[in-house]
N, C-alpha and C. Protein backbone atom coordinates (compact mmCIF):
# COMPACT_ATOMS: atom_id res chain seq x y z
N MET A 1 -13.93 32.38 -16.90
CA MET A 1 -12.54 32.25 -16.52
C MET A 1 -12.42 31.85 -15.07
N GLY A 2 -13.37 32.20 -14.22
CA GLY A 2 -13.26 31.99 -12.80
C GLY A 2 -13.46 30.57 -12.34
N PHE A 3 -13.92 29.68 -13.22
CA PHE A 3 -14.19 28.33 -12.75
C PHE A 3 -13.02 27.38 -12.94
N TYR A 4 -11.84 27.87 -13.31
CA TYR A 4 -10.66 27.02 -13.43
C TYR A 4 -9.90 27.04 -12.10
N ARG A 5 -9.61 25.87 -11.61
CA ARG A 5 -8.88 25.75 -10.35
C ARG A 5 -7.38 25.80 -10.60
N THR A 6 -6.65 26.09 -9.55
CA THR A 6 -5.19 26.06 -9.67
C THR A 6 -4.74 24.62 -9.84
N PRO A 7 -3.65 24.40 -10.58
CA PRO A 7 -3.17 23.03 -10.78
C PRO A 7 -2.78 22.38 -9.45
N SER A 8 -3.02 21.08 -9.35
CA SER A 8 -2.69 20.36 -8.12
C SER A 8 -1.19 20.11 -8.05
N PRO A 9 -0.68 19.80 -6.87
CA PRO A 9 0.76 19.53 -6.73
C PRO A 9 1.24 18.34 -7.56
N ASN A 10 0.33 17.47 -7.97
CA ASN A 10 0.71 16.32 -8.79
C ASN A 10 0.84 16.69 -10.28
N ASN A 11 0.37 17.85 -10.66
CA ASN A 11 0.39 18.29 -12.05
C ASN A 11 1.81 18.69 -12.43
N LYS A 12 2.22 18.41 -13.68
CA LYS A 12 3.57 18.78 -14.12
C LYS A 12 3.73 20.28 -14.28
N TYR A 13 2.62 21.03 -14.39
CA TYR A 13 2.67 22.49 -14.48
C TYR A 13 2.21 23.13 -13.18
N TYR A 14 2.52 22.50 -12.08
CA TYR A 14 2.08 23.00 -10.77
C TYR A 14 2.72 24.34 -10.44
N LEU A 15 1.89 25.24 -9.92
CA LEU A 15 2.35 26.51 -9.39
C LEU A 15 1.64 26.74 -8.07
N PRO A 16 2.30 27.35 -7.11
CA PRO A 16 1.57 27.73 -5.89
C PRO A 16 0.43 28.69 -6.26
N LYS A 17 -0.59 28.69 -5.45
CA LYS A 17 -1.80 29.45 -5.76
C LYS A 17 -1.50 30.92 -6.04
N GLU A 18 -0.64 31.54 -5.27
CA GLU A 18 -0.33 32.95 -5.44
C GLU A 18 0.35 33.22 -6.78
N GLU A 19 1.29 32.36 -7.16
CA GLU A 19 1.97 32.52 -8.44
C GLU A 19 1.01 32.31 -9.60
N TYR A 20 0.15 31.31 -9.47
CA TYR A 20 -0.83 31.02 -10.52
C TYR A 20 -1.76 32.22 -10.72
N LEU A 21 -2.28 32.75 -9.63
CA LEU A 21 -3.20 33.89 -9.74
C LEU A 21 -2.49 35.14 -10.24
N THR A 22 -1.22 35.29 -9.90
CA THR A 22 -0.45 36.41 -10.42
C THR A 22 -0.34 36.31 -11.94
N ALA A 23 -0.05 35.11 -12.43
CA ALA A 23 0.05 34.90 -13.88
C ALA A 23 -1.29 35.13 -14.57
N VAL A 24 -2.38 34.68 -13.95
CA VAL A 24 -3.72 34.87 -14.53
C VAL A 24 -4.00 36.36 -14.68
N HIS A 25 -3.77 37.12 -13.63
CA HIS A 25 -4.09 38.55 -13.67
C HIS A 25 -3.10 39.34 -14.52
N TYR A 26 -1.88 38.88 -14.60
CA TYR A 26 -0.89 39.52 -15.47
C TYR A 26 -1.33 39.38 -16.92
N ALA A 27 -1.80 38.20 -17.31
CA ALA A 27 -2.27 37.97 -18.67
C ALA A 27 -3.53 38.77 -18.97
N LEU A 28 -4.40 38.91 -17.99
CA LEU A 28 -5.64 39.67 -18.21
C LEU A 28 -5.37 41.16 -18.41
N ARG A 29 -4.21 41.64 -18.05
CA ARG A 29 -3.86 43.05 -18.27
C ARG A 29 -3.42 43.32 -19.71
N TYR A 30 -3.27 42.29 -20.52
CA TYR A 30 -2.79 42.42 -21.90
C TYR A 30 -3.52 43.49 -22.72
N PRO A 31 -4.87 43.49 -22.75
CA PRO A 31 -5.54 44.53 -23.55
C PRO A 31 -5.25 45.94 -23.04
N TYR A 32 -5.15 46.11 -21.75
CA TYR A 32 -4.86 47.43 -21.18
C TYR A 32 -3.43 47.86 -21.49
N LEU A 33 -2.51 46.90 -21.47
CA LEU A 33 -1.13 47.22 -21.81
C LEU A 33 -1.02 47.66 -23.27
N LEU A 34 -1.72 46.96 -24.17
CA LEU A 34 -1.72 47.34 -25.58
C LEU A 34 -2.31 48.73 -25.77
N GLU A 35 -3.41 48.99 -25.10
CA GLU A 35 -4.07 50.30 -25.22
C GLU A 35 -3.14 51.42 -24.72
N GLU A 36 -2.50 51.18 -23.60
CA GLU A 36 -1.59 52.18 -23.05
C GLU A 36 -0.39 52.39 -23.96
N LEU A 37 0.14 51.31 -24.53
CA LEU A 37 1.27 51.43 -25.45
C LEU A 37 0.86 52.22 -26.69
N ASN A 38 -0.31 51.96 -27.22
CA ASN A 38 -0.78 52.71 -28.39
C ASN A 38 -1.00 54.18 -28.05
N THR A 39 -1.47 54.46 -26.87
CA THR A 39 -1.66 55.85 -26.44
C THR A 39 -0.32 56.57 -26.34
N ILE A 40 0.67 55.89 -25.78
CA ILE A 40 1.99 56.50 -25.65
C ILE A 40 2.66 56.64 -27.01
N ALA A 41 2.45 55.67 -27.89
CA ALA A 41 3.05 55.73 -29.22
C ALA A 41 2.53 56.93 -30.00
N ASN A 42 1.29 57.32 -29.74
CA ASN A 42 0.70 58.46 -30.45
C ASN A 42 0.85 59.77 -29.69
N ALA A 43 1.54 59.74 -28.57
CA ALA A 43 1.70 60.94 -27.75
C ALA A 43 2.63 61.93 -28.44
N ASP A 44 2.37 63.18 -28.20
CA ASP A 44 3.20 64.24 -28.75
C ASP A 44 4.29 64.57 -27.74
N THR A 45 5.51 64.21 -28.06
CA THR A 45 6.63 64.49 -27.17
C THR A 45 7.50 65.62 -27.71
N SER A 46 6.93 66.43 -28.59
CA SER A 46 7.72 67.50 -29.20
C SER A 46 8.12 68.58 -28.19
N GLN A 47 7.44 68.66 -27.07
CA GLN A 47 7.76 69.65 -26.06
C GLN A 47 8.78 69.14 -25.05
N ALA A 48 9.40 68.02 -25.33
CA ALA A 48 10.31 67.43 -24.38
C ALA A 48 11.56 68.28 -24.17
N ILE A 49 12.10 68.83 -25.23
CA ILE A 49 13.31 69.64 -25.12
C ILE A 49 12.98 71.04 -25.61
N THR A 50 13.27 72.01 -24.78
CA THR A 50 13.03 73.39 -25.18
C THR A 50 14.35 74.15 -25.15
N TYR A 51 14.52 74.99 -26.14
CA TYR A 51 15.76 75.75 -26.25
C TYR A 51 15.54 77.24 -25.99
N ASP A 52 14.37 77.61 -25.50
CA ASP A 52 14.08 79.01 -25.27
C ASP A 52 14.56 79.52 -23.91
N LYS A 53 15.04 78.65 -23.07
CA LYS A 53 15.53 79.06 -21.75
C LYS A 53 17.06 79.04 -21.73
N ASP A 54 17.61 79.66 -20.73
CA ASP A 54 19.07 79.68 -20.61
C ASP A 54 19.60 78.26 -20.42
N LYS A 55 20.77 78.05 -20.98
CA LYS A 55 21.40 76.74 -20.88
C LYS A 55 21.99 76.56 -19.48
N VAL A 56 21.60 75.48 -18.80
CA VAL A 56 22.08 75.19 -17.46
C VAL A 56 22.66 73.79 -17.47
N SER A 57 23.80 73.61 -16.79
CA SER A 57 24.43 72.30 -16.80
C SER A 57 23.62 71.26 -16.03
N SER A 58 22.91 71.68 -14.99
CA SER A 58 22.02 70.76 -14.30
C SER A 58 20.68 71.45 -14.12
N SER A 59 19.64 70.69 -14.24
CA SER A 59 18.31 71.29 -14.21
C SER A 59 17.36 70.40 -13.42
N ASN A 60 16.34 71.01 -12.86
CA ASN A 60 15.31 70.27 -12.15
C ASN A 60 14.20 69.80 -13.09
N GLN A 61 14.27 70.20 -14.35
CA GLN A 61 13.25 69.80 -15.31
C GLN A 61 13.42 68.33 -15.64
N SER A 62 12.30 67.66 -15.78
CA SER A 62 12.37 66.25 -16.14
C SER A 62 12.41 66.12 -17.66
N ASP A 63 12.95 65.06 -18.10
CA ASP A 63 13.04 64.80 -19.53
C ASP A 63 11.85 63.93 -19.93
N ALA A 64 10.87 64.53 -20.56
CA ALA A 64 9.64 63.82 -20.93
C ALA A 64 9.91 62.74 -21.96
N THR A 65 10.87 62.97 -22.84
CA THR A 65 11.20 61.97 -23.85
C THR A 65 11.76 60.71 -23.21
N ALA A 66 12.64 60.89 -22.23
CA ALA A 66 13.22 59.73 -21.55
C ALA A 66 12.15 58.97 -20.78
N LYS A 67 11.27 59.70 -20.09
CA LYS A 67 10.20 59.03 -19.35
C LYS A 67 9.30 58.23 -20.28
N THR A 68 8.97 58.81 -21.42
CA THR A 68 8.12 58.13 -22.40
C THR A 68 8.82 56.89 -22.94
N ALA A 69 10.10 57.02 -23.24
CA ALA A 69 10.86 55.88 -23.77
C ALA A 69 10.95 54.75 -22.75
N ILE A 70 11.17 55.09 -21.50
CA ILE A 70 11.27 54.07 -20.45
C ILE A 70 9.93 53.36 -20.27
N LEU A 71 8.84 54.14 -20.25
CA LEU A 71 7.51 53.55 -20.11
C LEU A 71 7.18 52.65 -21.29
N ARG A 72 7.52 53.08 -22.50
CA ARG A 72 7.28 52.25 -23.69
C ARG A 72 8.07 50.95 -23.61
N ALA A 73 9.31 51.02 -23.16
CA ALA A 73 10.15 49.82 -23.04
C ALA A 73 9.56 48.85 -22.02
N GLU A 74 9.08 49.37 -20.89
CA GLU A 74 8.47 48.51 -19.87
C GLU A 74 7.20 47.84 -20.39
N LEU A 75 6.35 48.61 -21.06
CA LEU A 75 5.10 48.04 -21.60
C LEU A 75 5.40 47.01 -22.68
N THR A 76 6.36 47.31 -23.54
CA THR A 76 6.73 46.37 -24.60
C THR A 76 7.26 45.07 -24.01
N ASP A 77 8.04 45.17 -22.94
CA ASP A 77 8.58 43.98 -22.28
C ASP A 77 7.45 43.12 -21.69
N LYS A 78 6.49 43.75 -21.05
CA LYS A 78 5.36 43.00 -20.48
C LYS A 78 4.55 42.31 -21.56
N ILE A 79 4.27 43.02 -22.64
CA ILE A 79 3.51 42.44 -23.75
C ILE A 79 4.29 41.30 -24.39
N LYS A 80 5.60 41.47 -24.50
CA LYS A 80 6.46 40.44 -25.09
C LYS A 80 6.45 39.16 -24.26
N LYS A 81 6.47 39.30 -22.93
CA LYS A 81 6.43 38.11 -22.07
C LYS A 81 5.14 37.32 -22.30
N ILE A 82 4.03 38.01 -22.40
CA ILE A 82 2.75 37.33 -22.62
C ILE A 82 2.72 36.68 -24.00
N SER A 83 3.15 37.41 -25.01
CA SER A 83 3.14 36.88 -26.38
C SER A 83 4.07 35.67 -26.55
N GLU A 84 5.24 35.74 -25.96
CA GLU A 84 6.18 34.61 -26.04
C GLU A 84 5.62 33.38 -25.34
N SER A 85 4.98 33.58 -24.20
CA SER A 85 4.39 32.44 -23.48
C SER A 85 3.26 31.82 -24.30
N ILE A 86 2.48 32.63 -24.98
CA ILE A 86 1.42 32.11 -25.83
C ILE A 86 2.02 31.30 -26.97
N GLN A 87 3.08 31.81 -27.59
CA GLN A 87 3.72 31.09 -28.70
C GLN A 87 4.32 29.77 -28.23
N GLU A 88 4.89 29.75 -27.04
CA GLU A 88 5.47 28.51 -26.50
C GLU A 88 4.39 27.46 -26.24
N ALA A 89 3.23 27.90 -25.76
CA ALA A 89 2.18 26.97 -25.36
C ALA A 89 1.37 26.45 -26.53
N ALA A 90 1.19 27.23 -27.56
CA ALA A 90 0.32 26.85 -28.68
C ALA A 90 1.09 26.08 -29.74
N GLN A 91 0.38 25.16 -30.40
CA GLN A 91 1.00 24.36 -31.45
C GLN A 91 0.87 25.00 -32.82
N SER A 92 -0.15 25.83 -33.03
CA SER A 92 -0.36 26.45 -34.33
C SER A 92 -0.77 27.91 -34.14
N GLU A 93 -0.82 28.63 -35.24
CA GLU A 93 -1.20 30.04 -35.18
C GLU A 93 -2.66 30.21 -34.75
N ASP A 94 -3.52 29.30 -35.20
CA ASP A 94 -4.92 29.35 -34.78
C ASP A 94 -5.04 29.13 -33.27
N ASP A 95 -4.28 28.16 -32.77
CA ASP A 95 -4.29 27.91 -31.32
C ASP A 95 -3.81 29.13 -30.55
N GLU A 96 -2.81 29.84 -31.11
CA GLU A 96 -2.32 31.05 -30.46
C GLU A 96 -3.44 32.08 -30.33
N ASN A 97 -4.19 32.27 -31.41
CA ASN A 97 -5.27 33.26 -31.38
C ASN A 97 -6.34 32.88 -30.36
N TYR A 98 -6.72 31.61 -30.32
CA TYR A 98 -7.74 31.18 -29.37
C TYR A 98 -7.23 31.24 -27.93
N LEU A 99 -5.98 30.85 -27.74
CA LEU A 99 -5.40 30.92 -26.40
C LEU A 99 -5.32 32.38 -25.92
N ARG A 100 -4.95 33.28 -26.84
CA ARG A 100 -4.90 34.70 -26.49
C ARG A 100 -6.29 35.21 -26.10
N LEU A 101 -7.32 34.83 -26.86
CA LEU A 101 -8.68 35.23 -26.51
C LEU A 101 -9.06 34.71 -25.12
N HIS A 102 -8.64 33.52 -24.81
CA HIS A 102 -8.99 32.92 -23.52
C HIS A 102 -8.25 33.58 -22.35
N VAL A 103 -6.93 33.60 -22.42
CA VAL A 103 -6.16 34.05 -21.27
C VAL A 103 -6.09 35.56 -21.13
N CYS A 104 -6.24 36.29 -22.23
CA CYS A 104 -6.11 37.75 -22.17
C CYS A 104 -7.46 38.47 -22.18
N TYR A 105 -8.45 37.87 -22.79
CA TYR A 105 -9.73 38.55 -22.92
C TYR A 105 -10.86 37.86 -22.17
N GLY A 106 -10.59 36.72 -21.55
CA GLY A 106 -11.57 36.07 -20.69
C GLY A 106 -12.61 35.21 -21.38
N PHE A 107 -12.41 34.85 -22.65
CA PHE A 107 -13.35 33.95 -23.32
C PHE A 107 -13.24 32.57 -22.69
N ASN A 108 -14.35 31.87 -22.52
CA ASN A 108 -14.26 30.51 -21.99
C ASN A 108 -14.18 29.49 -23.13
N TYR A 109 -13.99 28.24 -22.77
CA TYR A 109 -13.78 27.19 -23.76
C TYR A 109 -14.95 27.09 -24.73
N TRP A 110 -16.15 27.16 -24.22
CA TRP A 110 -17.32 26.97 -25.08
C TRP A 110 -17.53 28.15 -26.03
N GLN A 111 -17.18 29.31 -25.62
CA GLN A 111 -17.25 30.46 -26.53
C GLN A 111 -16.23 30.30 -27.65
N LEU A 112 -15.06 29.77 -27.32
CA LEU A 112 -14.03 29.56 -28.34
C LEU A 112 -14.43 28.47 -29.32
N VAL A 113 -15.08 27.42 -28.84
CA VAL A 113 -15.58 26.37 -29.73
C VAL A 113 -16.62 26.97 -30.67
N GLY A 114 -17.45 27.85 -30.16
CA GLY A 114 -18.44 28.53 -30.99
C GLY A 114 -17.80 29.41 -32.05
N LYS A 115 -16.60 29.90 -31.79
CA LYS A 115 -15.87 30.72 -32.76
C LYS A 115 -15.10 29.86 -33.76
N GLY A 116 -15.10 28.54 -33.57
CA GLY A 116 -14.45 27.65 -34.53
C GLY A 116 -13.18 26.99 -34.07
N MET A 117 -12.89 26.99 -32.77
CA MET A 117 -11.69 26.32 -32.28
C MET A 117 -11.82 24.82 -32.48
N LYS A 118 -10.76 24.20 -32.95
CA LYS A 118 -10.81 22.78 -33.31
C LYS A 118 -10.23 21.85 -32.25
N CYS A 119 -9.39 22.34 -31.34
CA CYS A 119 -8.76 21.43 -30.39
C CYS A 119 -9.73 21.05 -29.28
N GLY A 120 -9.49 19.90 -28.68
CA GLY A 120 -10.36 19.38 -27.64
C GLY A 120 -10.11 20.04 -26.30
N GLN A 121 -10.99 19.72 -25.36
CA GLN A 121 -10.93 20.36 -24.05
C GLN A 121 -9.66 19.96 -23.29
N TYR A 122 -9.25 18.71 -23.38
CA TYR A 122 -8.05 18.23 -22.69
C TYR A 122 -6.80 18.92 -23.24
N GLN A 123 -6.70 18.97 -24.57
CA GLN A 123 -5.55 19.62 -25.20
C GLN A 123 -5.53 21.11 -24.86
N PHE A 124 -6.68 21.74 -24.88
CA PHE A 124 -6.75 23.17 -24.57
C PHE A 124 -6.39 23.43 -23.11
N SER A 125 -6.82 22.55 -22.23
CA SER A 125 -6.50 22.69 -20.81
C SER A 125 -4.99 22.59 -20.58
N ASN A 126 -4.34 21.64 -21.25
CA ASN A 126 -2.88 21.51 -21.13
C ASN A 126 -2.16 22.73 -21.69
N MET A 127 -2.67 23.24 -22.81
CA MET A 127 -2.10 24.44 -23.41
C MET A 127 -2.20 25.62 -22.44
N ARG A 128 -3.36 25.78 -21.84
CA ARG A 128 -3.59 26.88 -20.90
C ARG A 128 -2.69 26.74 -19.67
N GLN A 129 -2.59 25.54 -19.12
CA GLN A 129 -1.76 25.33 -17.94
C GLN A 129 -0.28 25.60 -18.24
N PHE A 130 0.18 25.15 -19.41
CA PHE A 130 1.56 25.41 -19.79
C PHE A 130 1.80 26.91 -19.98
N PHE A 131 0.82 27.60 -20.54
CA PHE A 131 0.94 29.05 -20.72
C PHE A 131 1.15 29.73 -19.37
N TYR A 132 0.30 29.42 -18.40
CA TYR A 132 0.41 30.07 -17.08
C TYR A 132 1.72 29.69 -16.40
N TYR A 133 2.14 28.45 -16.56
CA TYR A 133 3.41 28.00 -15.98
C TYR A 133 4.57 28.78 -16.59
N SER A 134 4.57 28.89 -17.91
CA SER A 134 5.63 29.60 -18.62
C SER A 134 5.65 31.08 -18.26
N LEU A 135 4.47 31.69 -18.21
CA LEU A 135 4.38 33.11 -17.89
C LEU A 135 4.83 33.38 -16.45
N ALA A 136 4.45 32.52 -15.54
CA ALA A 136 4.83 32.71 -14.13
C ALA A 136 6.34 32.64 -13.96
N LYS A 137 7.02 31.84 -14.76
CA LYS A 137 8.47 31.73 -14.67
C LYS A 137 9.15 32.97 -15.27
N LYS A 138 8.47 33.70 -16.17
CA LYS A 138 9.06 34.89 -16.79
C LYS A 138 8.81 36.16 -15.98
N ILE A 139 7.78 36.15 -15.18
CA ILE A 139 7.43 37.36 -14.42
C ILE A 139 8.46 37.60 -13.33
């Protein structure tokens, strides 16, 4: 993944270096975001509200259910941005899977060809550049 340069200013998907690298690292967080979302989805929030204490109109206790819901919404939004950008950039469902492996899991072009990817290097490069451009505009 490290041998791809940032697009030049003449490229139609040009991004400043900082924005490009932000998009690259944002996409690489995808597996961690999924893992964290799955961990939160399986979390036990049954202790969020307790009725064994006196009823108080205002309390210093935090609402664990609300915190969990907010965190889930934020993670879902981040994952959605990455997934939507992949769908916009890819022409087919197979291309989506290969592009996801590349931008989110760090597979290089030759590893993807070994897995059976059919598109050429030029087409894949354009797909990847459009993905990063689209993602950078959503972040």
